[in-house]
Amino acid sequence: MFSRVLLRQALPAASRIGSAAAVRPVAVAPRFAARTFSTPTVEEAVTADDAWKKSCYIEMDYTINDESTVYDAVQRFAAFNVGCLVTVDNDGNITGVVSERDYVCKIALLGKTSKDTRVREISTKAANLITATPEDSVEDCMQMMLSKDIRHLPLLDGDKKVVGIISIKDLVKTLLAEKEKAIKVLSDFALGKGGHFGSE
């Protein structure tokens, strides 16, 4: 009898405890505004056109008529501090390239005179040329140069018209500039600076 009385007294108390537990608010972790950032682009593809825009050739007439004398070509080499020119016919169509190497190997070593020799006599003809397009990547252009042991690439558009010329030096400068840009992006990212975190 005594145990039943204790049980009846304990049940309402347990019920009250359960109700209090049911309505007691559950602690919620405080919410913080998400700090978003974008993954930095370490290196985007750079093209021959990017190298062309940084080239000294863009500021000069890089073509020479193939009926001009080699002496004229050498004067252009010296005046603009370049090592290659694109040769063209009277209609402006590409016929080849002429370089300082052509002069050394085909004029100086053979005892010919530059004033009596036409550019077309020593130039590399278009049929044997390695060319690129402005859309080709810098890496592809460099691979073409290294595999063929050449230092210059004429750039041709979709109609096979010459639109520029780049040197191995132009490619190297372009790649170095991109590497420096990538290093800065990663450095800013590591320090929490720049647009990746929405603040300077």
C-alpha atoms as a PDB file:
ATOM      1  CA  MET A   1       0.000   0.000   0.000  1.00  0.00           C
ATOM      2  CA  PHE A   2       2.756   2.399   0.951  1.00  0.00           C
ATOM      3  CA  SER A   3       4.633   1.718  -2.300  1.00  0.00           C
ATOM      4  CA  ARG A   4       1.503   2.434  -4.394  1.00  0.00           C
ATOM      5  CA  VAL A   5       1.110   5.813  -2.672  1.00  0.00           C
ATOM      6  CA  LEU A   6       4.704   6.725  -3.414  1.00  0.00           C
ATOM      7  CA  LEU A   7       4.248   5.670  -7.033  1.00  0.00           C
ATOM      8  CA  ARG A   8       1.144   7.880  -7.421  1.00  0.00           C
ATOM      9  CA  GLN A   9       3.078  10.843  -5.985  1.00  0.00           C
ATOM     10  CA  ALA A  10       6.101  10.248  -8.197  1.00  0.00           C
ATOM     11  CA  LEU A  11       4.195  10.042 -11.501  1.00  0.00           C
ATOM     12  CA  PRO A  12       2.885  13.646 -11.536  1.00  0.00           C
ATOM     13  CA  ALA A  13       6.339  14.918 -10.573  1.00  0.00           C
ATOM     14  CA  ALA A  14       7.928  12.979 -13.429  1.00  0.00           C
ATOM     15  CA  SER A  15       5.255  14.304 -15.752  1.00  0.00           C
ATOM     16  CA  ARG A  16       6.020  17.874 -14.723  1.00  0.00           C
ATOM     17  CA  ILE A  17       9.737  17.319 -15.249  1.00  0.00           C
ATOM     18  CA  GLY A  18       9.088  15.837 -18.688  1.00  0.00           C
ATOM     19  CA  SER A  19       6.897  18.789 -19.677  1.00  0.00           C
ATOM     20  CA  ALA A  20       9.510  21.274 -18.560  1.00  0.00           C
ATOM     21  CA  ALA A  21      12.138  19.440 -20.551  1.00  0.00           C
ATOM     22  CA  ALA A  22       9.877  19.427 -23.579  1.00  0.00           C
ATOM     23  CA  VAL A  23       9.396  23.193 -23.610  1.00  0.00           C
ATOM     24  CA  ARG A  24      12.938  24.119 -22.624  1.00  0.00           C
ATOM     25  CA  PRO A  25      14.597  25.811 -25.651  1.00  0.00           C
ATOM     26  CA  VAL A  26      17.470  23.944 -27.216  1.00  0.00           C
ATOM     27  CA  ALA A  27      20.721  25.880 -27.355  1.00  0.00           C
ATOM     28  CA  VAL A  28      21.576  26.791 -30.963  1.00  0.00           C
ATOM     29  CA  ALA A  29      25.082  27.595 -32.096  1.00  0.00           C
ATOM     30  CA  PRO A  30      25.379  31.241 -33.152  1.00  0.00           C
ATOM     31  CA  ARG A  31      25.340  31.844 -36.884  1.00  0.00           C
ATOM     32  CA  PHE A  32      28.087  33.766 -38.560  1.00  0.00           C
ATOM     33  CA  ALA A  33      27.914  35.306 -42.008  1.00  0.00           C
ATOM     34  CA  ALA A  34      29.684  33.041 -44.460  1.00  0.00           C
ATOM     35  CA  ARG A  35      32.980  34.456 -45.636  1.00  0.00           C
ATOM     36  CA  THR A  36      33.015  33.616 -49.283  1.00  0.00           C
ATOM     37  CA  PHE A  37      35.911  33.789 -51.666  1.00  0.00           C
ATOM     38  CA  SER A  38      36.680  32.547 -55.110  1.00  0.00           C
ATOM     39  CA  THR A  39      39.461  30.195 -55.986  1.00  0.00           C
ATOM     40  CA  PRO A  40      42.203  32.207 -57.697  1.00  0.00           C
ATOM     41  CA  THR A  41      42.999  31.434 -61.280  1.00  0.00           C
ATOM     42  CA  VAL A  42      46.690  30.652 -61.203  1.00  0.00           C
ATOM     43  CA  GLU A  43      47.305  30.684 -64.905  1.00  0.00           C
ATOM     44  CA  GLU A  44      45.037  31.302 -67.834  1.00  0.00           C
ATOM     45  CA  ALA A  45      46.027  30.244 -71.297  1.00  0.00           C
ATOM     46  CA  VAL A  46      48.038  32.914 -73.091  1.00  0.00           C
ATOM     47  CA  THR A  47      48.126  33.024 -76.858  1.00  0.00           C
ATOM     48  CA  ALA A  48      50.442  34.055 -79.646  1.00  0.00           C
ATOM     49  CA  ASP A  49      48.334  37.194 -79.988  1.00  0.00           C
ATOM     50  CA  ASP A  50      49.211  38.134 -76.391  1.00  0.00           C
ATOM     51  CA  ALA A  51      52.900  37.738 -77.225  1.00  0.00           C
ATOM     52  CA  TRP A  52      52.440  39.707 -80.455  1.00  0.00           C
ATOM     53  CA  LYS A  53      50.952  42.662 -78.557  1.00  0.00           C
ATOM     54  CA  LYS A  54      54.086  42.787 -76.373  1.00  0.00           C
ATOM     55  CA  SER A  55      56.497  42.389 -79.290  1.00  0.00           C
ATOM     56  CA  CYS A  56      58.684  45.147 -80.675  1.00  0.00           C
ATOM     57  CA  TYR A  57      57.560  44.011 -84.121  1.00  0.00           C
ATOM     58  CA  ILE A  58      54.103  45.477 -83.549  1.00  0.00           C
ATOM     59  CA  GLU A  59      55.549  48.998 -83.729  1.00  0.00           C
ATOM     60  CA  MET A  60      57.293  48.571 -87.077  1.00  0.00           C
ATOM     61  CA  ASP A  61      56.789  47.361 -90.622  1.00  0.00           C
ATOM     62  CA  TYR A  62      58.055  43.805 -90.243  1.00  0.00           C
ATOM     63  CA  THR A  63      57.744  42.964 -93.944  1.00  0.00           C
ATOM     64  CA  ILE A  64      60.170  43.451 -96.812  1.00  0.00           C
ATOM     65  CA  ASN A  65      59.658  42.946-100.522  1.00  0.00           C
ATOM     66  CA  ASP A  66      61.512  39.856-101.698  1.00  0.00           C
ATOM     67  CA  GLU A  67      62.954  41.839-104.614  1.00  0.00           C
ATOM     68  CA  SER A  68      64.748  44.174-102.221  1.00  0.00           C
ATOM     69  CA  THR A  69      68.471  43.734-101.695  1.00  0.00           C
ATOM     70  CA  VAL A  70      69.879  41.883 -98.721  1.00  0.00           C
ATOM     71  CA  TYR A  71      71.594  45.151 -97.817  1.00  0.00           C
ATOM     72  CA  ASP A  72      68.155  46.732 -97.330  1.00  0.00           C
ATOM     73  CA  ALA A  73      67.188  43.876 -95.014  1.00  0.00           C
ATOM     74  CA  VAL A  74      70.402  44.217 -92.979  1.00  0.00           C
ATOM     75  CA  GLN A  75      69.747  47.933 -92.572  1.00  0.00           C
ATOM     76  CA  ARG A  76      66.291  47.120 -91.210  1.00  0.00           C
ATOM     77  CA  PHE A  77      67.760  44.557 -88.827  1.00  0.00           C
ATOM     78  CA  ALA A  78      70.128  47.165 -87.431  1.00  0.00           C
ATOM     79  CA  ALA A  79      67.648  50.063 -87.363  1.00  0.00           C
ATOM     80  CA  PHE A  80      64.948  48.172 -85.427  1.00  0.00           C
ATOM     81  CA  ASN A  81      67.188  45.747 -83.522  1.00  0.00           C
ATOM     82  CA  VAL A  82      65.357  42.692 -84.853  1.00  0.00           C
ATOM     83  CA  GLY A  83      66.615  39.431 -86.296  1.00  0.00           C
ATOM     84  CA  CYS A  84      63.991  38.493 -88.876  1.00  0.00           C
ATOM     85  CA  LEU A  85      61.614  39.990 -91.438  1.00  0.00           C
ATOM     86  CA  VAL A  86      58.677  38.538 -93.330  1.00  0.00           C
ATOM     87  CA  THR A  87      59.217  38.597 -97.089  1.00  0.00           C
ATOM     88  CA  VAL A  88      56.287  39.496 -99.350  1.00  0.00           C
ATOM     89  CA  ASP A  89      55.610  39.810-103.061  1.00  0.00           C
ATOM     90  CA  ASN A  90      54.325  42.905-104.834  1.00  0.00           C
ATOM     91  CA  ASP A  91      50.766  42.019-103.791  1.00  0.00           C
ATOM     92  CA  GLY A  92      51.686  41.788-100.128  1.00  0.00           C
ATOM     93  CA  ASN A  93      51.401  38.004 -99.971  1.00  0.00           C
ATOM     94  CA  ILE A  94      53.874  36.195 -97.728  1.00  0.00           C
ATOM     95  CA  THR A  95      56.672  34.500 -99.627  1.00  0.00           C
ATOM     96  CA  GLY A  96      58.944  33.546 -96.750  1.00  0.00           C
ATOM     97  CA  VAL A  97      61.203  35.003 -94.062  1.00  0.00           C
ATOM     98  CA  VAL A  98      64.728  36.342 -94.073  1.00  0.00           C
ATOM     99  CA  SER A  99      66.872  36.378 -90.952  1.00  0.00           C
ATOM    100  CA  GLU A 100      70.282  37.414 -89.699  1.00  0.00           C
ATOM    101  CA  ARG A 101      71.225  33.744 -89.823  1.00  0.00           C
ATOM    102  CA  ASP A 102      70.442  33.700 -93.559  1.00  0.00           C
ATOM    103  CA  TYR A 103      72.750  36.665 -94.037  1.00  0.00           C
ATOM    104  CA  VAL A 104      75.607  35.083 -92.100  1.00  0.00           C
ATOM    105  CA  CYS A 105      75.312  31.645 -93.719  1.00  0.00           C
ATOM    106  CA  LYS A 106      74.418  32.623 -97.285  1.00  0.00           C
ATOM    107  CA  ILE A 107      76.145  35.959 -97.821  1.00  0.00           C
ATOM    108  CA  ALA A 108      79.049  36.528 -95.456  1.00  0.00           C
ATOM    109  CA  LEU A 109      80.389  32.956 -95.458  1.00  0.00           C
ATOM    110  CA  LEU A 110      79.991  32.531 -99.212  1.00  0.00           C
ATOM    111  CA  GLY A 111      81.720  35.778-100.115  1.00  0.00           C
ATOM    112  CA  LYS A 112      78.646  37.326-101.741  1.00  0.00           C
ATOM    113  CA  THR A 113      77.805  41.002-101.427  1.00  0.00           C
ATOM    114  CA  SER A 114      74.583  42.114 -99.795  1.00  0.00           C
ATOM    115  CA  LYS A 115      74.038  44.968-102.248  1.00  0.00           C
ATOM    116  CA  ASP A 116      74.111  42.604-105.242  1.00  0.00           C
ATOM    117  CA  THR A 117      71.922  39.862-103.791  1.00  0.00           C
ATOM    118  CA  ARG A 118      68.110  39.845-103.650  1.00  0.00           C
ATOM    119  CA  VAL A 119      66.284  38.858-100.505  1.00  0.00           C
ATOM    120  CA  ARG A 120      64.468  36.059-102.364  1.00  0.00           C
ATOM    121  CA  GLU A 121      67.838  34.420-103.097  1.00  0.00           C
ATOM    122  CA  ILE A 122      68.589  33.726 -99.444  1.00  0.00           C
ATOM    123  CA  SER A 123      65.177  33.695 -97.747  1.00  0.00           C
ATOM    124  CA  THR A 124      63.362  30.644 -96.391  1.00  0.00           C
ATOM    125  CA  LYS A 125      60.442  30.078 -98.744  1.00  0.00           C
ATOM    126  CA  ALA A 126      56.802  30.029 -97.613  1.00  0.00           C
ATOM    127  CA  ALA A 127      56.392  26.371 -98.562  1.00  0.00           C
ATOM    128  CA  ASN A 128      58.988  25.429 -95.949  1.00  0.00           C
ATOM    129  CA  LEU A 129      57.833  27.845 -93.262  1.00  0.00           C
ATOM    130  CA  ILE A 130      56.569  26.917 -89.832  1.00  0.00           C
ATOM    131  CA  THR A 131      53.769  29.351 -89.001  1.00  0.00           C
ATOM    132  CA  ALA A 132      51.248  29.916 -86.223  1.00  0.00           C
ATOM    133  CA  THR A 133      47.902  31.609 -85.783  1.00  0.00           C
ATOM    134  CA  PRO A 134      47.122  34.344 -83.246  1.00  0.00           C
ATOM    135  CA  GLU A 135      44.927  31.836 -81.377  1.00  0.00           C
ATOM    136  CA  ASP A 136      47.710  29.281 -80.840  1.00  0.00           C
ATOM    137  CA  SER A 137      48.929  29.038 -77.259  1.00  0.00           C
ATOM    138  CA  VAL A 138      52.331  30.370 -76.275  1.00  0.00           C
ATOM    139  CA  GLU A 139      53.308  26.869 -75.170  1.00  0.00           C
ATOM    140  CA  ASP A 140      52.446  25.420 -78.599  1.00  0.00           C
ATOM    141  CA  CYS A 141      54.410  28.166 -80.348  1.00  0.00           C
ATOM    142  CA  MET A 142      57.423  27.548 -78.165  1.00  0.00           C
ATOM    143  CA  GLN A 143      57.213  23.821 -78.836  1.00  0.00           C
ATOM    144  CA  MET A 144      57.166  24.482 -82.606  1.00  0.00           C
ATOM    145  CA  MET A 145      60.213  26.712 -82.345  1.00  0.00           C
ATOM    146  CA  LEU A 146      62.187  24.293 -80.205  1.00  0.00           C
ATOM    147  CA  SER A 147      61.337  21.252 -82.317  1.00  0.00           C
ATOM    148  CA  LYS A 148      62.383  23.004 -85.556  1.00  0.00           C
ATOM    149  CA  ASP A 149      65.271  25.022 -84.084  1.00  0.00           C
ATOM    150  CA  ILE A 150      63.850  28.340 -85.234  1.00  0.00           C
ATOM    151  CA  ARG A 151      63.579  31.658 -83.416  1.00  0.00           C
ATOM    152  CA  HIS A 152      60.699  33.389 -85.228  1.00  0.00           C
ATOM    153  CA  LEU A 153      57.138  32.502 -86.198  1.00  0.00           C
ATOM    154  CA  PRO A 154      55.020  34.422 -88.702  1.00  0.00           C
ATOM    155  CA  LEU A 155      51.372  34.695 -87.623  1.00  0.00           C
ATOM    156  CA  LEU A 156      48.777  33.972 -90.291  1.00  0.00           C
ATOM    157  CA  ASP A 157      45.037  34.519 -90.116  1.00  0.00           C
ATOM    158  CA  GLY A 158      42.327  32.186 -91.449  1.00  0.00           C
ATOM    159  CA  ASP A 159      42.925  33.473 -94.991  1.00  0.00           C
ATOM    160  CA  LYS A 160      46.651  32.739 -94.746  1.00  0.00           C
ATOM    161  CA  LYS A 161      47.440  36.437 -94.659  1.00  0.00           C
ATOM    162  CA  VAL A 162      50.357  37.501 -92.494  1.00  0.00           C
ATOM    163  CA  VAL A 163      49.172  39.469 -89.462  1.00  0.00           C
ATOM    164  CA  GLY A 164      52.326  39.495 -87.361  1.00  0.00           C
ATOM    165  CA  ILE A 165      55.547  37.818 -86.342  1.00  0.00           C
ATOM    166  CA  ILE A 166      56.810  36.753 -82.916  1.00  0.00           C
ATOM    167  CA  SER A 167      60.226  35.762 -81.643  1.00  0.00           C
ATOM    168  CA  ILE A 168      61.288  33.272 -78.997  1.00  0.00           C
ATOM    169  CA  LYS A 169      62.135  36.296 -76.822  1.00  0.00           C
ATOM    170  CA  ASP A 170      58.539  37.515 -77.102  1.00  0.00           C
ATOM    171  CA  LEU A 171      57.265  34.140 -75.911  1.00  0.00           C
ATOM    172  CA  VAL A 172      59.660  34.014 -72.963  1.00  0.00           C
ATOM    173  CA  LYS A 173      58.724  37.553 -71.869  1.00  0.00           C
ATOM    174  CA  THR A 174      55.025  36.710 -72.095  1.00  0.00           C
ATOM    175  CA  LEU A 175      55.400  33.543 -70.035  1.00  0.00           C
ATOM    176  CA  LEU A 176      57.454  35.335 -67.382  1.00  0.00           C
ATOM    177  CA  ALA A 177      54.836  38.076 -67.116  1.00  0.00           C
ATOM    178  CA  GLU A 178      52.121  35.453 -66.609  1.00  0.00           C
ATOM    179  CA  LYS A 179      54.195  33.639 -63.976  1.00  0.00           C
ATOM    180  CA  GLU A 180      54.715  36.882 -62.066  1.00  0.00           C
ATOM    181  CA  LYS A 181      50.977  37.573 -62.232  1.00  0.00           C
ATOM    182  CA  ALA A 182      50.213  34.078 -60.936  1.00  0.00           C
ATOM    183  CA  ILE A 183      52.667  34.505 -58.048  1.00  0.00           C
ATOM    184  CA  LYS A 184      50.993  37.776 -57.052  1.00  0.00           C
ATOM    185  CA  VAL A 185      47.542  36.166 -57.151  1.00  0.00           C
ATOM    186  CA  LEU A 186      48.680  33.311 -54.918  1.00  0.00           C
ATOM    187  CA  SER A 187      50.485  35.675 -52.563  1.00  0.00           C
ATOM    188  CA  ASP A 188      47.400  37.889 -52.185  1.00  0.00           C
ATOM    189  CA  PHE A 189      45.271  34.797 -51.705  1.00  0.00           C
ATOM    190  CA  ALA A 190      47.528  33.488 -48.942  1.00  0.00           C
ATOM    191  CA  LEU A 191      47.502  36.868 -47.175  1.00  0.00           C
ATOM    192  CA  GLY A 192      43.739  37.280 -47.505  1.00  0.00           C
ATOM    193  CA  LYS A 193      44.059  40.329 -49.718  1.00  0.00           C
ATOM    194  CA  GLY A 194      42.504  41.386 -52.965  1.00  0.00           C
ATOM    195  CA  GLY A 195      39.221  40.722 -54.681  1.00  0.00           C
ATOM    196  CA  HIS A 196      39.176  37.056 -53.683  1.00  0.00           C
ATOM    197  CA  PHE A 197      38.038  38.113 -50.207  1.00  0.00           C
ATOM    198  CA  GLY A 198      36.033  41.127 -51.267  1.00  0.00           C
ATOM    199  CA  SER A 199      38.432  43.652 -49.775  1.00  0.00           C
ATOM    200  CA  GLU A 200      41.813  45.142 -50.399  1.00  0.00           C
END
